[in-house]
Every structure is written in structure tokens, then in C-alpha cells.
């Protein structure tokens, strides 16, 4: 599936290709992917000698998770009741 995300099977093929001594271009050609996709995948997941398909899949899942925003610290939270300033409270007819 060109243009989509790499699957666990794609990562397994990459690992097998590296173990067999194939070039990045040959691995990409066999997967039907661009060489840059394979190059980036290998670089971000251990390099040519440290790439492991299962570890790469786990790392990708970890990076893709949605992060929850941490609540603001108590000192930076807005007060429970907010008062509004009145427009033109002391000066009628003059601009601020």
C-alpha cells in the first residue's frame, strides 16, 4: 500500500532484507515503497545493524499514541469566578 503506513509485515520484510544484505533501494523495491521511506524507517529504529521489526513496531505504536494534555498547575488556573470590567466606568464618552 504505497503512501500508507508501514505494517508489521513490512517491518519484518525490512529486517529480513537487512539480514540478507540487501540495499535500501532493493528492500524498497520489493515492498513497493520509496527508498526514502525505508531509509527513514531504518534510521529511526536502530540503524542498519540494530533494526528489529518487533521493536520498531512497538516504538511506532508508542509514538503514534495520542497524548493527553496535563492540567494547568493550580497557580495558573483562572479564578473560579471572573469579574468583568465595566466599559467606560469612570470616564463616560472617552476612549481608553
N, C-alpha and C. Protein backbone atom coordinates (compact mmCIF):
# COMPACT_ATOMS: atom_id res chain seq x y z
N UNK A 1 0.82 -1.18 0.00
CA UNK A 1 0.00 0.00 0.00
C UNK A 1 0.87 1.24 0.00
N UNK A 2 1.26 1.70 -1.15
CA UNK A 2 2.12 2.88 -1.23
C UNK A 2 1.44 4.10 -0.63
N UNK A 3 2.20 4.89 0.10
CA UNK A 3 1.67 6.10 0.70
C UNK A 3 1.04 5.90 2.06
N UNK A 4 0.73 4.66 2.43
CA UNK A 4 0.14 4.39 3.73
C UNK A 4 1.23 4.13 4.76
N UNK A 5 0.79 3.73 5.92
CA UNK A 5 1.75 3.42 6.99
C UNK A 5 2.35 2.05 6.78
N UNK A 6 3.56 1.89 7.29
CA UNK A 6 4.20 0.57 7.23
C UNK A 6 3.50 -0.36 8.21
N UNK A 7 3.30 -1.59 7.79
CA UNK A 7 2.67 -2.58 8.65
C UNK A 7 3.75 -3.38 9.36
N UNK A 8 3.32 -4.21 10.30
CA UNK A 8 4.27 -5.09 10.99
C UNK A 8 4.93 -6.04 10.00
N UNK A 9 4.18 -6.48 9.01
CA UNK A 9 4.74 -7.37 7.98
C UNK A 9 5.79 -6.63 7.14
N UNK A 10 5.52 -5.36 6.80
CA UNK A 10 6.52 -4.56 6.07
C UNK A 10 7.81 -4.46 6.89
N UNK A 11 7.66 -4.23 8.17
CA UNK A 11 8.84 -4.11 9.03
C UNK A 11 9.60 -5.42 9.12
N UNK A 12 8.87 -6.53 9.12
CA UNK A 12 9.52 -7.83 9.13
C UNK A 12 10.32 -8.04 7.84
N UNK A 13 9.75 -7.62 6.70
CA UNK A 13 10.46 -7.73 5.41
C UNK A 13 11.71 -6.85 5.40
N UNK A 14 11.61 -5.67 6.01
CA UNK A 14 12.78 -4.79 6.09
C UNK A 14 13.88 -5.47 6.89
N UNK A 15 13.52 -6.04 8.04
CA UNK A 15 14.52 -6.72 8.88
C UNK A 15 15.15 -7.89 8.14
N UNK A 16 14.33 -8.65 7.43
CA UNK A 16 14.86 -9.78 6.66
C UNK A 16 15.79 -9.31 5.54
N UNK A 17 15.41 -8.22 4.89
CA UNK A 17 16.25 -7.67 3.82
C UNK A 17 17.59 -7.19 4.34
N UNK A 18 17.57 -6.54 5.49
CA UNK A 18 18.83 -6.09 6.09
C UNK A 18 19.71 -7.27 6.47
N UNK A 19 19.10 -8.32 7.02
CA UNK A 19 19.85 -9.52 7.41
C UNK A 19 20.45 -10.21 6.19
N UNK A 20 19.75 -10.12 5.05
CA UNK A 20 20.23 -10.74 3.82
C UNK A 20 21.25 -9.88 3.09
N UNK A 21 21.50 -8.67 3.60
CA UNK A 21 22.49 -7.79 2.99
C UNK A 21 21.98 -7.01 1.79
N UNK A 22 20.65 -6.87 1.66
CA UNK A 22 20.09 -6.12 0.54
C UNK A 22 20.28 -4.62 0.76
N UNK A 23 20.32 -3.87 -0.32
CA UNK A 23 20.41 -2.41 -0.23
C UNK A 23 19.04 -1.85 0.14
N UNK A 24 19.04 -0.63 0.62
CA UNK A 24 17.76 0.02 0.95
C UNK A 24 16.88 0.10 -0.30
N UNK A 25 17.49 0.40 -1.44
CA UNK A 25 16.73 0.52 -2.68
C UNK A 25 16.07 -0.81 -3.04
N UNK A 26 16.78 -1.92 -2.87
CA UNK A 26 16.23 -3.23 -3.20
C UNK A 26 15.11 -3.60 -2.23
N UNK A 27 15.28 -3.31 -0.96
CA UNK A 27 14.22 -3.57 0.04
C UNK A 27 12.98 -2.76 -0.33
N UNK A 28 13.17 -1.49 -0.66
CA UNK A 28 12.06 -0.62 -1.02
C UNK A 28 11.35 -1.13 -2.28
N UNK A 29 12.12 -1.56 -3.26
CA UNK A 29 11.55 -2.07 -4.50
C UNK A 29 10.69 -3.31 -4.22
N UNK A 30 11.17 -4.20 -3.37
CA UNK A 30 10.41 -5.42 -3.05
C UNK A 30 9.13 -5.12 -2.27
N UNK A 31 9.18 -4.04 -1.47
CA UNK A 31 7.99 -3.66 -0.70
C UNK A 31 7.02 -2.80 -1.50
N UNK A 32 7.51 -2.23 -2.58
CA UNK A 32 6.68 -1.30 -3.35
C UNK A 32 6.60 0.06 -2.67
N UNK A 33 7.64 0.42 -1.96
CA UNK A 33 7.72 1.70 -1.24
C UNK A 33 8.86 2.52 -1.79
N UNK A 34 8.89 3.79 -1.41
CA UNK A 34 10.01 4.63 -1.84
C UNK A 34 11.23 4.33 -0.98
N UNK A 35 12.39 4.57 -1.54
CA UNK A 35 13.63 4.31 -0.82
C UNK A 35 13.72 5.20 0.42
N UNK A 36 13.23 6.42 0.32
CA UNK A 36 13.30 7.33 1.47
C UNK A 36 12.46 6.83 2.64
N UNK A 37 11.33 6.18 2.37
CA UNK A 37 10.50 5.61 3.44
C UNK A 37 11.27 4.54 4.19
N UNK A 38 11.93 3.65 3.44
CA UNK A 38 12.70 2.57 4.06
C UNK A 38 13.89 3.16 4.82
N UNK A 39 14.57 4.13 4.23
CA UNK A 39 15.72 4.76 4.88
C UNK A 39 15.33 5.40 6.20
N UNK A 40 14.23 6.16 6.21
CA UNK A 40 13.77 6.83 7.44
C UNK A 40 13.36 5.81 8.49
N UNK A 41 12.67 4.76 8.07
CA UNK A 41 12.23 3.72 8.99
C UNK A 41 13.43 3.07 9.68
N UNK A 42 14.45 2.75 8.93
CA UNK A 42 15.63 2.11 9.50
C UNK A 42 16.39 3.08 10.40
N UNK A 43 16.52 4.32 9.97
CA UNK A 43 17.26 5.32 10.75
C UNK A 43 16.59 5.59 12.09
N UNK A 44 15.27 5.65 12.13
CA UNK A 44 14.59 6.00 13.39
C UNK A 44 14.42 4.81 14.32
N UNK A 45 14.76 3.61 13.84
CA UNK A 45 14.54 2.41 14.64
C UNK A 45 15.78 1.53 14.78
N UNK A 46 16.91 2.12 15.02
CA UNK A 46 18.10 1.34 15.36
C UNK A 46 19.19 1.29 14.33
N UNK A 47 18.97 1.79 13.13
CA UNK A 47 20.01 1.76 12.12
C UNK A 47 20.12 0.40 11.45
N UNK A 48 21.01 0.27 10.46
CA UNK A 48 21.09 -0.97 9.69
C UNK A 48 21.53 -2.18 10.51
N UNK A 49 22.28 -1.98 11.58
CA UNK A 49 22.77 -3.11 12.36
C UNK A 49 21.91 -3.37 13.60
N UNK A 50 21.09 -2.40 13.99
CA UNK A 50 20.30 -2.57 15.20
C UNK A 50 18.80 -2.66 14.95
N UNK A 51 18.38 -2.70 13.69
CA UNK A 51 16.95 -2.71 13.37
C UNK A 51 16.33 -4.04 13.74
N UNK A 52 15.23 -4.00 14.50
CA UNK A 52 14.45 -5.18 14.86
C UNK A 52 12.99 -4.86 14.58
N UNK A 53 12.32 -5.71 13.81
CA UNK A 53 10.96 -5.44 13.37
C UNK A 53 9.98 -5.28 14.53
N UNK A 54 10.03 -6.17 15.50
CA UNK A 54 9.09 -6.11 16.63
C UNK A 54 9.31 -4.85 17.45
N UNK A 55 10.57 -4.50 17.70
CA UNK A 55 10.87 -3.30 18.46
C UNK A 55 10.45 -2.05 17.68
N UNK A 56 10.64 -2.06 16.36
CA UNK A 56 10.24 -0.93 15.53
C UNK A 56 8.72 -0.76 15.55
N UNK A 57 7.99 -1.86 15.50
CA UNK A 57 6.53 -1.79 15.54
C UNK A 57 6.05 -1.24 16.88
N UNK A 58 6.66 -1.70 17.96
CA UNK A 58 6.29 -1.22 19.29
C UNK A 58 6.60 0.27 19.42
N UNK A 59 7.76 0.69 18.97
CA UNK A 59 8.15 2.10 19.06
C UNK A 59 7.21 2.98 18.23
N UNK A 60 6.80 2.49 17.08
CA UNK A 60 5.89 3.26 16.23
C UNK A 60 4.53 3.41 16.91
N UNK A 61 4.05 2.35 17.52
CA UNK A 61 2.77 2.42 18.24
C UNK A 61 2.87 3.41 19.39
N UNK A 62 3.99 3.41 20.08
CA UNK A 62 4.20 4.32 21.20
C UNK A 62 4.23 5.77 20.72
N UNK A 63 4.92 6.02 19.61
CA UNK A 63 5.00 7.39 19.08
C UNK A 63 3.66 7.88 18.54
N UNK A 64 2.82 6.97 18.06
CA UNK A 64 1.57 7.36 17.43
C UNK A 64 0.43 7.60 18.42
N UNK A 65 0.62 7.26 19.68
CA UNK A 65 -0.47 7.39 20.64
C UNK A 65 -0.83 8.86 20.84
N UNK A 66 -2.03 9.09 21.20
CA UNK A 66 -2.47 10.46 21.46
C UNK A 66 -2.12 10.81 22.90
N UNK A 67 -1.52 11.94 23.06
CA UNK A 67 -1.13 12.36 24.41
C UNK A 67 -2.23 13.23 25.01
N UNK A 68 -2.48 13.03 26.28
CA UNK A 68 -3.45 13.86 26.99
C UNK A 68 -2.74 15.08 27.51
N UNK A 69 -3.40 16.21 27.43
CA UNK A 69 -2.81 17.44 27.96
C UNK A 69 -2.87 17.40 29.47
N UNK A 70 -1.79 17.78 30.07
CA UNK A 70 -1.73 17.82 31.53
C UNK A 70 -2.56 19.01 32.01
N UNK A 71 -3.22 18.87 33.14
CA UNK A 71 -3.98 20.01 33.67
C UNK A 71 -3.03 21.14 34.07
N UNK A 72 -3.52 22.35 33.96
CA UNK A 72 -2.70 23.51 34.32
C UNK A 72 -2.42 23.49 35.82
N UNK A 73 -1.23 23.93 36.22
CA UNK A 73 -0.93 23.99 37.65
C UNK A 73 -1.92 24.91 38.36
N UNK A 74 -2.18 24.66 39.63
CA UNK A 74 -3.16 25.43 40.40
C UNK A 74 -2.85 26.93 40.38
N UNK A 75 -1.58 27.28 40.37
CA UNK A 75 -1.21 28.70 40.40
C UNK A 75 -1.55 29.41 39.09
N UNK A 76 -1.74 28.67 38.01
CA UNK A 76 -2.02 29.30 36.72
C UNK A 76 -3.47 29.15 36.29
N UNK A 77 -4.28 28.48 37.09
CA UNK A 77 -5.68 28.31 36.74
C UNK A 77 -6.41 29.64 36.93
N UNK A 78 -7.40 29.90 36.10
CA UNK A 78 -8.18 31.13 36.29
C UNK A 78 -9.02 31.01 37.56
N UNK A 79 -9.35 32.13 38.18
CA UNK A 79 -10.17 32.08 39.38
C UNK A 79 -11.55 31.48 39.07
N UNK A 80 -12.18 30.93 40.10
CA UNK A 80 -13.48 30.27 39.92
C UNK A 80 -14.53 31.26 39.42
N UNK A 81 -14.50 32.48 39.91
CA UNK A 81 -15.44 33.49 39.44
C UNK A 81 -14.64 34.59 38.75
N UNK A 82 -15.09 34.98 37.61
CA UNK A 82 -14.41 36.02 36.85
C UNK A 82 -15.30 37.25 36.84
N UNK A 83 -14.73 38.37 37.19
CA UNK A 83 -15.48 39.61 37.18
C UNK A 83 -15.12 40.37 35.91
N UNK A 84 -16.10 41.03 35.37
CA UNK A 84 -15.87 41.80 34.15
C UNK A 84 -15.71 43.27 34.49
N UNK A 85 -14.81 43.88 33.80
CA UNK A 85 -14.64 45.33 33.95
C UNK A 85 -15.74 46.02 33.15
N UNK A 86 -16.24 47.08 33.70
CA UNK A 86 -17.29 47.81 33.00
C UNK A 86 -16.65 48.75 31.99
N UNK A 87 -17.27 48.83 30.86
CA UNK A 87 -16.77 49.75 29.84
C UNK A 87 -17.15 51.17 30.22
N UNK A 88 -16.17 52.05 30.21
CA UNK A 88 -16.44 53.46 30.49
C UNK A 88 -16.95 53.71 31.90
N UNK A 89 -16.43 52.98 32.88
CA UNK A 89 -16.96 53.08 34.22
C UNK A 89 -16.76 54.45 34.85
N UNK A 90 -15.60 55.07 34.68
CA UNK A 90 -15.39 56.36 35.32
C UNK A 90 -15.36 57.49 34.30
N UNK A 91 -15.04 57.17 33.08
CA UNK A 91 -14.98 58.21 32.06
C UNK A 91 -16.07 57.97 31.03
N UNK A 92 -17.04 58.71 31.02
CA UNK A 92 -18.08 58.50 30.03
C UNK A 92 -17.74 59.29 28.78
N UNK A 93 -17.82 58.64 27.63
CA UNK A 93 -17.59 59.31 26.38
C UNK A 93 -16.14 59.37 25.93
N UNK A 94 -15.19 58.95 26.75
CA UNK A 94 -13.79 59.00 26.32
C UNK A 94 -13.30 57.60 25.96
N UNK A 95 -12.39 57.56 25.06
CA UNK A 95 -11.86 56.25 24.66
C UNK A 95 -10.70 55.87 25.56
N UNK A 96 -10.42 54.61 25.67
CA UNK A 96 -9.35 54.16 26.59
C UNK A 96 -7.98 54.59 26.18
